Amino acid sequence: MYINQLLDAYKHAKNYAQDKQIAHDFGVHPSQITQMRKGKRYVSDNEIVFLAEVAGVDPKEALLGCHADRNENPHIKALWRICWEK
C-alpha cells in the first residue's frame, strides 16, 4: 500500500522512530496511524498533501498512489496505478 511508503517517507524526513510521533503531528491517537497503515482508515487528501510536502514527495504522485490503494475495483485500481506510474 502506497500510504505505508508515504508514512515511512514522512517519518524519515522528520527523523522519527515511531508512528506515535506522526500521530502527535496529526493530533490523533496512535491507533489511527495503525489503521491508516492497515487500510482501515483512509487518509484525507489534505493529509496526503501534508505528508508528501514534508517528505519531499510530489503531492500529485502521493494523491494518485493513495487513491489507487482506496479503490476496490481491480480495473479502476489498475487505471489509477497507470496514472501514478507515469
N, C-alpha and C. Protein backbone atom coordinates (compact mmCIF):
# COMPACT_ATOMS: atom_id res chain seq x y z
N MET A 1 0.83 -1.18 0.00
CA MET A 1 0.00 0.00 0.00
C MET A 1 0.88 1.24 0.00
N TYR A 2 0.50 2.18 -0.84
CA TYR A 2 1.30 3.39 -1.00
C TYR A 2 1.36 4.22 0.28
N ILE A 3 0.27 4.23 1.05
CA ILE A 3 0.25 5.06 2.25
C ILE A 3 1.38 4.67 3.21
N ASN A 4 1.72 3.39 3.25
CA ASN A 4 2.82 2.97 4.13
C ASN A 4 4.14 3.59 3.67
N GLN A 5 4.36 3.64 2.37
CA GLN A 5 5.57 4.27 1.84
C GLN A 5 5.59 5.75 2.19
N LEU A 6 4.42 6.39 2.05
CA LEU A 6 4.34 7.82 2.33
C LEU A 6 4.56 8.10 3.83
N LEU A 7 3.94 7.31 4.68
CA LEU A 7 4.15 7.48 6.12
C LEU A 7 5.61 7.24 6.49
N ASP A 8 6.22 6.25 5.89
CA ASP A 8 7.63 5.97 6.17
C ASP A 8 8.53 7.10 5.67
N ALA A 9 8.21 7.67 4.51
CA ALA A 9 8.99 8.79 3.98
C ALA A 9 8.86 10.01 4.89
N TYR A 10 7.65 10.24 5.40
CA TYR A 10 7.42 11.35 6.33
C TYR A 10 8.21 11.12 7.61
N LYS A 11 8.13 9.90 8.12
CA LYS A 11 8.84 9.56 9.36
C LYS A 11 10.35 9.75 9.18
N HIS A 12 10.86 9.34 8.03
CA HIS A 12 12.28 9.50 7.74
C HIS A 12 12.66 10.99 7.64
N ALA A 13 11.81 11.77 6.95
CA ALA A 13 12.10 13.19 6.77
C ALA A 13 12.11 13.93 8.10
N LYS A 14 11.27 13.51 9.03
CA LYS A 14 11.20 14.15 10.34
C LYS A 14 12.17 13.51 11.34
N ASN A 15 12.87 12.46 10.88
CA ASN A 15 13.81 11.74 11.74
C ASN A 15 13.09 11.13 12.95
N TYR A 16 11.91 10.60 12.71
CA TYR A 16 11.11 9.97 13.76
C TYR A 16 11.43 8.48 13.82
N ALA A 17 11.27 7.91 15.00
CA ALA A 17 11.49 6.48 15.19
C ALA A 17 10.19 5.71 15.30
N GLN A 18 9.10 6.40 15.67
CA GLN A 18 7.84 5.70 15.94
C GLN A 18 6.67 6.40 15.27
N ASP A 19 5.64 5.59 14.96
CA ASP A 19 4.43 6.13 14.37
C ASP A 19 3.69 7.06 15.32
N LYS A 20 3.88 6.88 16.61
CA LYS A 20 3.16 7.75 17.55
C LYS A 20 3.62 9.20 17.41
N GLN A 21 4.81 9.41 16.87
CA GLN A 21 5.28 10.77 16.62
C GLN A 21 4.50 11.39 15.46
N ILE A 22 4.18 10.58 14.47
CA ILE A 22 3.33 11.06 13.37
C ILE A 22 1.96 11.40 13.92
N ALA A 23 1.43 10.52 14.76
CA ALA A 23 0.11 10.74 15.35
C ALA A 23 0.09 12.07 16.11
N HIS A 24 1.16 12.37 16.82
CA HIS A 24 1.24 13.63 17.55
C HIS A 24 1.15 14.82 16.59
N ASP A 25 1.85 14.74 15.46
CA ASP A 25 1.81 15.81 14.47
C ASP A 25 0.38 16.01 13.93
N PHE A 26 -0.35 14.91 13.78
CA PHE A 26 -1.72 14.97 13.26
C PHE A 26 -2.74 15.29 14.34
N GLY A 27 -2.33 15.16 15.60
CA GLY A 27 -3.26 15.39 16.69
C GLY A 27 -4.28 14.27 16.83
N VAL A 28 -3.83 13.03 16.54
CA VAL A 28 -4.71 11.87 16.63
C VAL A 28 -4.08 10.82 17.53
N HIS A 29 -4.88 9.84 17.91
CA HIS A 29 -4.39 8.72 18.71
C HIS A 29 -3.50 7.84 17.82
N PRO A 30 -2.41 7.29 18.33
CA PRO A 30 -1.53 6.44 17.53
C PRO A 30 -2.24 5.28 16.83
N SER A 31 -3.33 4.79 17.41
CA SER A 31 -4.05 3.70 16.77
C SER A 31 -4.61 4.11 15.41
N GLN A 32 -4.84 5.41 15.20
CA GLN A 32 -5.34 5.86 13.91
C GLN A 32 -4.27 5.74 12.82
N ILE A 33 -3.02 5.91 13.19
CA ILE A 33 -1.93 5.71 12.22
C ILE A 33 -1.85 4.23 11.87
N THR A 34 -2.02 3.37 12.85
CA THR A 34 -2.04 1.92 12.61
C THR A 34 -3.19 1.58 11.66
N GLN A 35 -4.35 2.19 11.87
CA GLN A 35 -5.49 1.94 11.00
C GLN A 35 -5.22 2.43 9.58
N MET A 36 -4.50 3.53 9.44
CA MET A 36 -4.11 4.01 8.11
C MET A 36 -3.22 2.97 7.43
N ARG A 37 -2.24 2.47 8.17
CA ARG A 37 -1.30 1.50 7.61
C ARG A 37 -2.00 0.21 7.17
N LYS A 38 -3.05 -0.17 7.89
CA LYS A 38 -3.78 -1.40 7.56
C LYS A 38 -4.86 -1.19 6.51
N GLY A 39 -5.07 0.07 6.10
CA GLY A 39 -6.11 0.36 5.11
C GLY A 39 -7.50 0.43 5.69
N LYS A 40 -7.61 0.51 7.01
CA LYS A 40 -8.92 0.60 7.66
C LYS A 40 -9.38 2.04 7.83
N ARG A 41 -8.45 2.97 7.76
CA ARG A 41 -8.78 4.39 7.80
C ARG A 41 -8.06 5.05 6.64
N TYR A 42 -8.85 5.69 5.81
CA TYR A 42 -8.24 6.38 4.68
C TYR A 42 -7.70 7.73 5.12
N VAL A 43 -6.66 8.13 4.47
CA VAL A 43 -6.03 9.41 4.73
C VAL A 43 -6.71 10.43 3.83
N SER A 44 -7.04 11.58 4.38
CA SER A 44 -7.70 12.61 3.57
C SER A 44 -6.70 13.18 2.56
N ASP A 45 -7.22 13.82 1.54
CA ASP A 45 -6.35 14.46 0.55
C ASP A 45 -5.46 15.51 1.20
N ASN A 46 -6.01 16.25 2.15
CA ASN A 46 -5.20 17.26 2.85
C ASN A 46 -4.06 16.61 3.61
N GLU A 47 -4.33 15.49 4.26
CA GLU A 47 -3.29 14.78 5.00
C GLU A 47 -2.24 14.21 4.05
N ILE A 48 -2.68 13.70 2.91
CA ILE A 48 -1.75 13.16 1.92
C ILE A 48 -0.79 14.24 1.44
N VAL A 49 -1.34 15.40 1.10
CA VAL A 49 -0.51 16.50 0.61
C VAL A 49 0.44 16.98 1.70
N PHE A 50 -0.04 17.06 2.93
CA PHE A 50 0.82 17.46 4.05
C PHE A 50 1.99 16.50 4.20
N LEU A 51 1.69 15.20 4.24
CA LEU A 51 2.75 14.19 4.37
C LEU A 51 3.74 14.28 3.22
N ALA A 52 3.22 14.41 2.02
CA ALA A 52 4.08 14.44 0.82
C ALA A 52 5.00 15.65 0.85
N GLU A 53 4.46 16.81 1.14
CA GLU A 53 5.28 18.03 1.12
C GLU A 53 6.40 17.97 2.15
N VAL A 54 6.11 17.46 3.33
CA VAL A 54 7.15 17.35 4.36
C VAL A 54 8.18 16.30 3.96
N ALA A 55 7.71 15.22 3.33
CA ALA A 55 8.60 14.11 2.95
C ALA A 55 9.38 14.39 1.67
N GLY A 56 9.05 15.47 0.98
CA GLY A 56 9.73 15.77 -0.27
C GLY A 56 9.26 14.91 -1.43
N VAL A 57 8.01 14.45 -1.35
CA VAL A 57 7.40 13.63 -2.39
C VAL A 57 6.46 14.51 -3.19
N ASP A 58 6.38 14.29 -4.50
CA ASP A 58 5.46 15.04 -5.34
C ASP A 58 4.03 14.79 -4.85
N PRO A 59 3.31 15.83 -4.43
CA PRO A 59 1.94 15.63 -3.93
C PRO A 59 1.02 14.95 -4.93
N LYS A 60 1.20 15.22 -6.22
CA LYS A 60 0.36 14.57 -7.23
C LYS A 60 0.59 13.07 -7.23
N GLU A 61 1.85 12.66 -7.13
CA GLU A 61 2.18 11.24 -7.06
C GLU A 61 1.57 10.60 -5.81
N ALA A 62 1.66 11.31 -4.70
CA ALA A 62 1.12 10.79 -3.45
C ALA A 62 -0.40 10.63 -3.53
N LEU A 63 -1.08 11.62 -4.10
CA LEU A 63 -2.53 11.52 -4.25
C LEU A 63 -2.91 10.35 -5.14
N LEU A 64 -2.22 10.20 -6.26
CA LEU A 64 -2.52 9.09 -7.16
C LEU A 64 -2.27 7.74 -6.49
N GLY A 65 -1.16 7.62 -5.80
CA GLY A 65 -0.84 6.36 -5.13
C GLY A 65 -1.86 5.99 -4.07
N CYS A 66 -2.27 6.97 -3.28
CA CYS A 66 -3.24 6.70 -2.21
C CYS A 66 -4.63 6.41 -2.77
N HIS A 67 -5.00 7.12 -3.83
CA HIS A 67 -6.31 6.86 -4.44
C HIS A 67 -6.34 5.48 -5.10
N ALA A 68 -5.23 5.06 -5.64
CA ALA A 68 -5.17 3.71 -6.20
C ALA A 68 -5.38 2.67 -5.11
N ASP A 69 -4.80 2.90 -3.95
CA ASP A 69 -4.97 1.98 -2.82
C ASP A 69 -6.43 1.89 -2.38
N ARG A 70 -7.14 2.98 -2.44
CA ARG A 70 -8.51 3.05 -1.92
C ARG A 70 -9.51 2.25 -2.73
N ASN A 71 -9.29 2.13 -4.02
CA ASN A 71 -10.31 1.55 -4.88
C ASN A 71 -10.32 0.04 -4.79
N GLU A 72 -11.51 -0.53 -4.66
CA GLU A 72 -11.67 -1.98 -4.55
C GLU A 72 -11.81 -2.66 -5.91
N ASN A 73 -12.25 -1.92 -6.91
CA ASN A 73 -12.44 -2.47 -8.25
C ASN A 73 -11.07 -2.66 -8.90
N PRO A 74 -10.69 -3.90 -9.24
CA PRO A 74 -9.35 -4.14 -9.80
C PRO A 74 -9.08 -3.36 -11.09
N HIS A 75 -10.09 -3.21 -11.92
CA HIS A 75 -9.90 -2.48 -13.19
C HIS A 75 -9.61 -1.00 -12.92
N ILE A 76 -10.41 -0.39 -12.04
CA ILE A 76 -10.21 1.02 -11.72
C ILE A 76 -8.90 1.21 -10.97
N LYS A 77 -8.59 0.29 -10.08
CA LYS A 77 -7.33 0.35 -9.34
C LYS A 77 -6.15 0.34 -10.32
N ALA A 78 -6.24 -0.50 -11.35
CA ALA A 78 -5.18 -0.58 -12.36
C ALA A 78 -5.06 0.74 -13.13
N LEU A 79 -6.19 1.37 -13.41
CA LEU A 79 -6.16 2.66 -14.11
C LEU A 79 -5.49 3.73 -13.25
N TRP A 80 -5.80 3.75 -11.96
CA TRP A 80 -5.13 4.68 -11.06
C TRP A 80 -3.63 4.43 -11.07
N ARG A 81 -3.24 3.16 -11.03
CA ARG A 81 -1.81 2.81 -10.99
C ARG A 81 -1.11 3.26 -12.28
N ILE A 82 -1.78 3.14 -13.41
CA ILE A 82 -1.19 3.58 -14.68
C ILE A 82 -0.90 5.08 -14.60
N CYS A 83 -1.85 5.85 -14.09
CA CYS A 83 -1.64 7.30 -13.94
C CYS A 83 -0.50 7.59 -12.98
N TRP A 84 -0.44 6.81 -11.89
CA TRP A 84 0.57 7.01 -10.86
C TRP A 84 1.97 6.71 -11.38
N GLU A 85 2.08 5.68 -12.21
CA GLU A 85 3.40 5.24 -12.66
C GLU A 85 3.96 6.08 -13.80
N LYS A 86 3.17 6.98 -14.36
CA LYS A 86 3.66 7.84 -15.46
C LYS A 86 4.63 8.87 -14.97
